[in-house]
Protein backbone atom coordinates (compact mmCIF):
# COMPACT_ATOMS: atom_id res chain seq x y z
CA MET A 1 14.72 -49.47 -55.06
CA LEU A 2 12.80 -47.24 -52.65
CA LEU A 3 11.60 -43.84 -53.86
CA ALA A 4 11.83 -40.89 -51.47
CA LYS A 5 8.69 -39.18 -52.74
CA LYS A 6 6.34 -42.14 -52.17
CA LYS A 7 5.09 -41.15 -48.72
CA ILE A 8 1.85 -39.96 -47.19
CA LEU A 9 0.61 -39.00 -43.74
CA LEU A 10 -2.43 -40.34 -41.88
CA ALA A 11 -3.43 -38.60 -38.63
CA LYS A 12 -6.18 -39.46 -36.15
CA ILE A 13 -6.99 -38.11 -32.70
CA GLN A 14 -5.89 -40.57 -30.00
CA PRO A 15 -8.22 -40.25 -26.97
CA ASP A 16 -6.49 -43.05 -25.03
CA LEU A 17 -2.72 -42.65 -25.11
CA ASP A 18 -2.28 -46.39 -24.59
CA VAL A 19 -4.59 -47.45 -27.44
CA ASP A 20 -3.62 -46.99 -31.09
CA PRO A 21 -6.70 -45.57 -32.92
CA VAL A 22 -5.35 -47.01 -36.22
CA PRO A 23 -5.61 -44.17 -38.76
CA ASP A 24 -6.78 -45.22 -42.23
CA GLY A 25 -7.24 -43.66 -45.65
CA GLY A 26 -10.05 -41.48 -44.33
CA ASN A 27 -7.50 -39.72 -42.11
CA ALA A 28 -5.12 -38.68 -44.90
CA VAL A 29 -3.40 -35.30 -44.62
CA VAL A 30 -2.22 -33.23 -47.59
CA THR A 31 1.37 -32.35 -46.68
CA LYS A 32 4.51 -30.75 -48.04
CA ASN A 33 8.08 -31.66 -47.09
CA LEU A 34 7.04 -34.63 -44.95
CA THR A 35 10.09 -35.87 -43.04
CA VAL A 36 10.39 -38.66 -40.49
CA SER A 37 13.26 -39.06 -38.04
CA PRO A 38 12.35 -42.60 -37.02
CA TYR A 39 14.79 -43.30 -34.20
CA GLU A 40 15.63 -40.26 -32.09
CA GLY A 41 16.58 -40.48 -28.43
CA ASN A 42 19.22 -40.10 -25.78
CA THR A 43 22.20 -42.45 -26.05
CA VAL A 44 24.65 -43.71 -23.45
CA GLN A 45 27.84 -45.73 -23.80
CA ARG A 46 29.00 -48.49 -21.48
CA ASP A 47 32.48 -46.94 -21.15
CA ILE A 48 33.90 -49.99 -19.44
CA ASP A 49 37.58 -50.15 -18.51
CA ARG A 50 39.80 -52.39 -20.65
CA ASP A 51 43.48 -52.93 -21.35
CA ALA A 52 43.24 -51.44 -24.86
CA LEU A 53 42.06 -48.37 -26.66
CA GLY A 54 38.86 -48.29 -28.65
CA ASN A 55 35.20 -47.52 -28.79
CA ASP A 56 32.32 -49.08 -26.86
CA ILE A 57 28.73 -49.88 -27.71
CA GLU A 58 25.98 -47.40 -27.00
CA PHE A 59 22.29 -47.73 -26.15
CA ASN A 60 19.34 -45.58 -27.14
CA THR A 61 17.78 -45.28 -23.69
CA ALA A 62 14.46 -43.76 -24.75
CA PRO A 63 13.68 -43.95 -28.49
CA TYR A 64 11.08 -41.62 -29.96
CA VAL A 65 10.01 -40.33 -33.36
CA LYS A 66 10.12 -36.83 -34.86
CA VAL A 67 7.76 -35.96 -37.72
CA THR A 68 7.86 -32.62 -39.53
CA PHE A 69 5.76 -31.34 -42.42
CA SER A 70 3.85 -28.34 -43.76
CA VAL A 71 0.16 -28.00 -44.54
CA GLU A 72 -1.45 -25.26 -46.62
CA LEU A 73 -3.51 -22.89 -44.49
CA ALA A 74 -7.06 -22.92 -45.87
CA ALA A 75 -10.56 -23.21 -44.44
CA SER A 76 -12.78 -26.18 -45.26
CA GLY A 77 -14.80 -24.41 -47.94
CA VAL A 78 -17.95 -24.50 -45.80
CA ALA A 79 -18.42 -22.02 -42.95
CA GLY A 80 -18.73 -23.82 -39.62
CA THR A 81 -17.12 -27.03 -40.86
CA ALA A 82 -13.78 -28.16 -39.42
CA PRO A 83 -10.88 -28.42 -41.90
CA GLY A 84 -9.01 -31.59 -42.74
CA TRP A 85 -6.06 -30.45 -40.61
CA GLY A 86 -8.17 -30.00 -37.47
CA ALA A 87 -6.81 -33.09 -35.72
CA ILE A 88 -3.17 -32.12 -36.09
CA ILE A 89 -3.57 -28.57 -34.80
CA ARG A 90 -5.58 -29.87 -31.84
CA ALA A 91 -2.54 -32.00 -30.97
CA CYS A 92 -0.48 -28.79 -30.85
CA GLY A 93 -2.25 -27.56 -27.74
CA PHE A 94 -5.35 -26.03 -29.34
CA SER A 95 -9.03 -26.37 -28.57
CA GLU A 96 -11.53 -26.62 -31.42
CA THR A 97 -14.93 -24.91 -31.16
CA VAL A 98 -17.35 -25.50 -34.03
CA ALA A 99 -20.38 -23.27 -34.58
CA PRO A 100 -22.28 -24.95 -37.46
CA ASP A 101 -22.80 -22.70 -40.49
CA THR A 102 -20.83 -19.92 -38.76
CA ASP A 103 -17.20 -20.56 -37.87
CA VAL A 104 -14.56 -22.85 -36.38
CA VAL A 105 -12.30 -21.36 -33.71
CA TYR A 106 -8.92 -22.67 -32.53
CA GLN A 107 -7.35 -21.31 -29.34
CA PRO A 108 -4.42 -22.42 -27.21
CA VAL A 109 -5.06 -24.36 -24.00
CA SER A 110 -2.98 -24.91 -20.88
CA GLU A 111 -4.39 -28.29 -19.86
CA GLY A 112 -6.29 -31.21 -21.33
CA PHE A 113 -3.87 -31.53 -24.25
CA GLU A 114 -4.99 -33.87 -27.02
CA ALA A 115 -2.74 -36.19 -29.01
CA VAL A 116 -2.75 -37.86 -32.41
CA ALA A 117 -1.53 -41.09 -33.90
CA LEU A 118 0.53 -40.50 -37.04
CA TYR A 119 0.98 -43.23 -39.64
CA ILE A 120 3.50 -42.69 -42.44
CA PRO A 121 3.23 -45.34 -45.18
CA HIS A 122 6.46 -45.15 -47.17
CA ASN A 123 7.44 -47.51 -49.97
CA GLY A 124 5.68 -50.52 -48.45
CA GLN A 125 6.92 -49.69 -44.96
CA LEU A 126 4.71 -48.32 -42.21
CA HIS A 127 6.16 -45.95 -39.63
CA LYS A 128 3.90 -45.50 -36.62
CA ALA A 129 4.17 -42.53 -34.27
CA THR A 130 1.58 -42.58 -31.50
CA ALA A 131 0.65 -40.28 -28.59
CA ALA A 132 2.09 -37.48 -30.71
CA ARG A 133 2.06 -33.85 -29.64
CA GLY A 134 3.70 -30.93 -31.36
CA THR A 135 4.01 -27.28 -32.20
CA VAL A 136 3.10 -25.16 -35.20
CA LYS A 137 4.26 -22.06 -37.07
CA PHE A 138 2.06 -19.92 -39.34
CA GLY A 139 3.60 -18.17 -42.33
CA LEU A 140 2.08 -15.80 -44.87
CA SER A 141 4.39 -14.20 -47.44
CA SER A 142 3.26 -12.03 -50.33
CA GLY A 143 3.31 -13.95 -53.58
CA GLY A 144 3.25 -17.32 -51.84
CA MET A 145 0.77 -19.72 -50.30
CA PRO A 146 -0.19 -19.49 -46.61
CA GLU A 147 1.24 -22.42 -44.70
CA MET A 148 1.49 -24.06 -41.31
CA SER A 149 4.71 -25.85 -40.38
CA PHE A 150 4.35 -28.67 -37.84
CA GLU A 151 6.87 -30.55 -35.71
CA PHE A 152 5.65 -33.57 -33.74
CA THR A 153 7.28 -35.77 -31.13
CA ALA A 154 5.81 -39.24 -30.64
CA LYS A 155 6.27 -42.68 -29.15
CA TRP A 156 8.44 -45.02 -31.21
CA HIS A 157 7.29 -48.22 -32.91
CA GLN A 158 9.32 -50.65 -34.96
CA PRO A 159 8.55 -50.02 -38.68
CA VAL A 160 6.69 -52.88 -40.30
CA VAL A 161 6.00 -54.09 -43.82
CA ALA A 162 2.49 -53.02 -44.82
CA PRO A 163 0.59 -52.44 -48.07
CA ALA A 164 -0.24 -48.91 -49.13
CA PRO A 165 -3.51 -47.73 -47.58
CA THR A 166 -6.63 -47.69 -49.71
CA GLY A 167 -9.53 -45.26 -49.83
CA LEU A 168 -7.41 -42.15 -49.37
CA ASP A 169 -9.79 -39.23 -48.82
CA THR A 170 -8.40 -35.68 -48.90
CA SER A 171 -11.68 -33.97 -49.79
CA ALA A 172 -11.58 -31.97 -46.54
CA PHE A 173 -8.49 -30.15 -47.79
CA VAL A 174 -9.25 -27.11 -49.93
CA THR A 175 -6.82 -25.43 -52.33
CA PRO A 176 -5.69 -22.21 -50.62
CA LEU A 177 -5.67 -18.69 -52.01
CA PRO A 178 -2.31 -17.00 -52.63
CA VAL A 179 -1.19 -14.22 -50.31
CA ASN A 180 -1.62 -10.88 -52.12
CA SER A 181 -3.44 -7.54 -52.04
CA VAL A 182 -6.69 -9.11 -53.27
CA ASN A 183 -6.95 -11.92 -50.72
CA THR A 184 -5.07 -10.71 -47.66
CA ALA A 185 -5.34 -7.82 -45.20
CA LEU A 186 -3.18 -7.03 -42.16
CA GLU A 187 -3.64 -4.52 -39.38
CA ILE A 188 -1.12 -3.88 -36.63
CA ALA A 189 -1.57 -1.32 -33.85
CA GLY A 190 -4.56 0.13 -35.66
CA TYR A 191 -2.61 0.64 -38.89
CA ALA A 192 -3.36 -1.17 -42.16
CA ALA A 193 0.22 -1.92 -43.12
CA ASN A 194 1.50 -2.82 -46.58
CA ALA A 195 3.06 -6.08 -45.50
CA GLU A 196 5.47 -8.43 -47.23
CA SER A 197 5.23 -11.19 -44.65
CA VAL A 198 3.96 -12.16 -41.23
CA ASP A 199 5.02 -15.20 -39.23
CA ILE A 200 3.69 -16.53 -35.93
CA ASP A 201 5.40 -19.35 -34.03
CA ILE A 202 3.30 -20.91 -31.25
CA ALA A 203 6.58 -22.27 -29.86
CA ASN A 204 5.29 -25.08 -27.67
CA SER A 205 7.87 -26.79 -25.47
CA VAL A 206 7.38 -30.46 -26.32
CA VAL A 207 9.32 -33.04 -24.34
CA PHE A 208 9.60 -36.79 -24.57
CA ARG A 209 9.82 -38.09 -21.01
CA ASP A 210 10.77 -41.68 -20.26
CA VAL A 211 11.14 -42.51 -16.57
CA ILE A 212 10.47 -45.59 -14.48
CA ASN A 213 6.83 -46.65 -14.99
CA SER A 214 6.05 -43.79 -17.37
CA GLN A 215 6.63 -42.81 -20.99
CA GLN A 216 4.92 -39.63 -22.22
CA VAL A 217 5.04 -36.84 -24.78
CA LEU A 218 4.21 -33.62 -22.95
CA ILE A 219 3.56 -29.98 -23.80
CA THR A 220 5.06 -28.14 -20.84
CA ASP A 221 5.03 -24.50 -21.95
CA ARG A 222 4.64 -22.14 -24.91
CA ALA A 223 6.12 -18.77 -25.85
CA PRO A 224 4.31 -17.49 -28.96
CA ALA A 225 6.33 -15.01 -30.98
CA GLY A 226 6.94 -14.04 -34.57
CA SER A 227 7.98 -11.36 -36.99
CA MET A 228 6.65 -9.18 -39.77
CA THR A 229 8.06 -7.07 -42.57
CA ILE A 230 6.10 -4.03 -43.71
CA GLU A 231 6.62 -1.02 -45.91
CA ALA A 232 7.80 1.88 -43.75
CA PRO A 233 5.12 4.57 -43.30
CA GLU A 234 5.71 8.26 -42.70
CA LEU A 235 6.33 8.96 -39.02
CA ALA A 236 3.35 11.30 -38.97
CA THR A 237 1.18 8.45 -40.25
CA LYS A 238 2.42 5.73 -37.90
CA ASP A 239 5.44 5.86 -35.60
CA PHE A 240 6.58 2.25 -35.24
CA PHE A 241 9.73 3.33 -33.42
CA ALA A 242 7.59 4.67 -30.59
CA ALA A 243 5.29 1.63 -30.82
CA SER A 244 8.22 -0.77 -30.33
CA ALA A 245 10.14 1.17 -27.66
CA SER A 246 10.23 -0.49 -24.23
CA HIS A 247 12.86 1.45 -22.25
CA SER A 248 10.26 3.51 -20.37
CA GLY A 249 7.29 1.15 -20.55
CA VAL A 250 5.65 -1.36 -22.86
CA THR A 251 2.60 -0.76 -25.01
CA LEU A 252 0.77 -3.77 -26.37
CA HIS A 253 -0.92 -3.64 -29.77
CA PRO A 254 -3.60 -5.71 -31.54
CA LEU A 255 -2.64 -7.70 -34.62
CA SER A 256 -5.07 -9.18 -37.12
CA VAL A 257 -4.54 -10.94 -40.43
CA THR A 258 -7.53 -11.82 -42.61
CA HIS A 259 -7.02 -14.09 -45.60
CA GLY A 260 -9.88 -14.77 -47.99
CA LYS A 261 -13.18 -12.94 -48.49
CA THR A 262 -15.75 -15.59 -49.41
CA PRO A 263 -17.61 -17.48 -46.64
CA GLY A 264 -16.03 -20.89 -46.25
CA GLN A 265 -12.65 -19.53 -47.37
CA ILE A 266 -11.95 -16.91 -44.69
CA VAL A 267 -9.04 -17.45 -42.29
CA GLU A 268 -8.42 -14.94 -39.50
CA LEU A 269 -5.34 -14.88 -37.28
CA SER A 270 -5.60 -12.48 -34.39
CA ALA A 271 -3.53 -11.57 -31.36
CA PRO A 272 -5.02 -8.86 -29.10
CA LYS A 273 -1.85 -8.07 -27.15
CA VAL A 274 1.35 -7.98 -29.19
CA GLN A 275 4.64 -6.44 -28.08
CA LEU A 276 6.68 -5.11 -30.99
CA SER A 277 10.45 -5.23 -30.64
CA GLY A 278 13.67 -5.45 -32.57
CA ILE A 279 12.74 -3.03 -35.35
CA SER A 280 15.21 -2.89 -38.24
CA MET A 281 15.20 -1.20 -41.64
CA GLY A 282 15.61 -2.86 -45.01
CA ASP A 283 15.34 -2.32 -48.76
CA SER A 284 12.78 -4.16 -50.89
CA ASP A 285 12.63 -3.11 -54.56
CA GLY A 286 13.98 0.25 -53.46
CA ILE A 287 11.22 0.65 -50.85
CA LEU A 288 12.17 1.21 -47.21
CA THR A 289 10.86 -1.60 -45.00
CA TYR A 290 10.62 -2.24 -41.29
CA SER A 291 11.13 -5.72 -39.90
CA MET A 292 9.82 -6.18 -36.38
CA ASN A 293 9.80 -9.04 -33.93
CA THR A 294 6.59 -9.79 -32.06
CA ARG A 295 5.75 -11.34 -28.71
CA LEU A 296 2.18 -12.55 -28.16
CA ILE A 297 1.07 -11.81 -24.61
CA PRO A 298 -1.94 -13.41 -22.86
CA SER A 299 -4.38 -11.61 -20.59
CA ASP A 300 -4.56 -12.45 -16.90
CA ALA A 301 -7.17 -15.10 -17.76
CA GLY A 302 -4.74 -16.77 -20.17
CA ASP A 303 -5.12 -18.92 -23.28
CA ASP A 304 -6.19 -15.92 -25.36
CA GLU A 305 -2.94 -14.60 -26.85
CA PHE A 306 -3.76 -16.07 -30.25
CA VAL A 307 -7.01 -17.02 -31.99
CA LEU A 308 -7.40 -18.76 -35.35
CA THR A 309 -10.89 -18.43 -36.81
CA LEU A 310 -12.21 -20.05 -39.98
CA LYS A 311 -15.40 -18.55 -41.42
């Protein structure tokens, strides 16, 4: 009998897309809701003519793997030290800049995309997913834990029988702080909003491309966007209807979320140019709320619409 919960994830940067870097226990990732779709791909049928009704066989013309999971959003515990999840966010189209004893900064890139090899040991089986690239969503909701949700696409390998890895090391993963008034602050358009939630989806376009002489997982575009729900302020204090209107012009607003206050535990998410749109009103515990959609806009230089900083 195979148990569904007996699964772990190992992830290691793969510099050469044709060479498996062989992740081991030192590359373990602390995940939630780890799911593997081990045999995705386009299928075609033969559809040959015959003198009878009935089905025909089909072929998977380009098999690939999908891997999804969540990781708690927390710094490493030491300012200027990369977190345990650094490799997987780098494979989502981010650069990593480490300033020892100061901070670690992740920013989107438009070229030079890195990749990871993902190993999923599961009940004595080993699922390999190499040359993997993906996308990530950030979610902070009051009363919950801050999380990142990942979706990776990777090259397919036949699962094999393998013993469970030894020497699992998850010491680079730090227990996060809950999202609340003590640990978390949000500012949008110069206003410190009482917020229930904020979500940011990097929304990479990830494609598996299998053509003659070439098989690749590519990041071809991104369209970062998100949403937030805040307590509605007085119009005289902050007019979010005017801030989100676009019929006679668009105004872009800075967004910043700071989670944690102690060096080594501080996580900052910032977007300097955010378009607010789709404002709607709601009721939370009898309090009027505004829910707004967001679009993260880059400058002319590009690759600066979102910055994740760990201090």
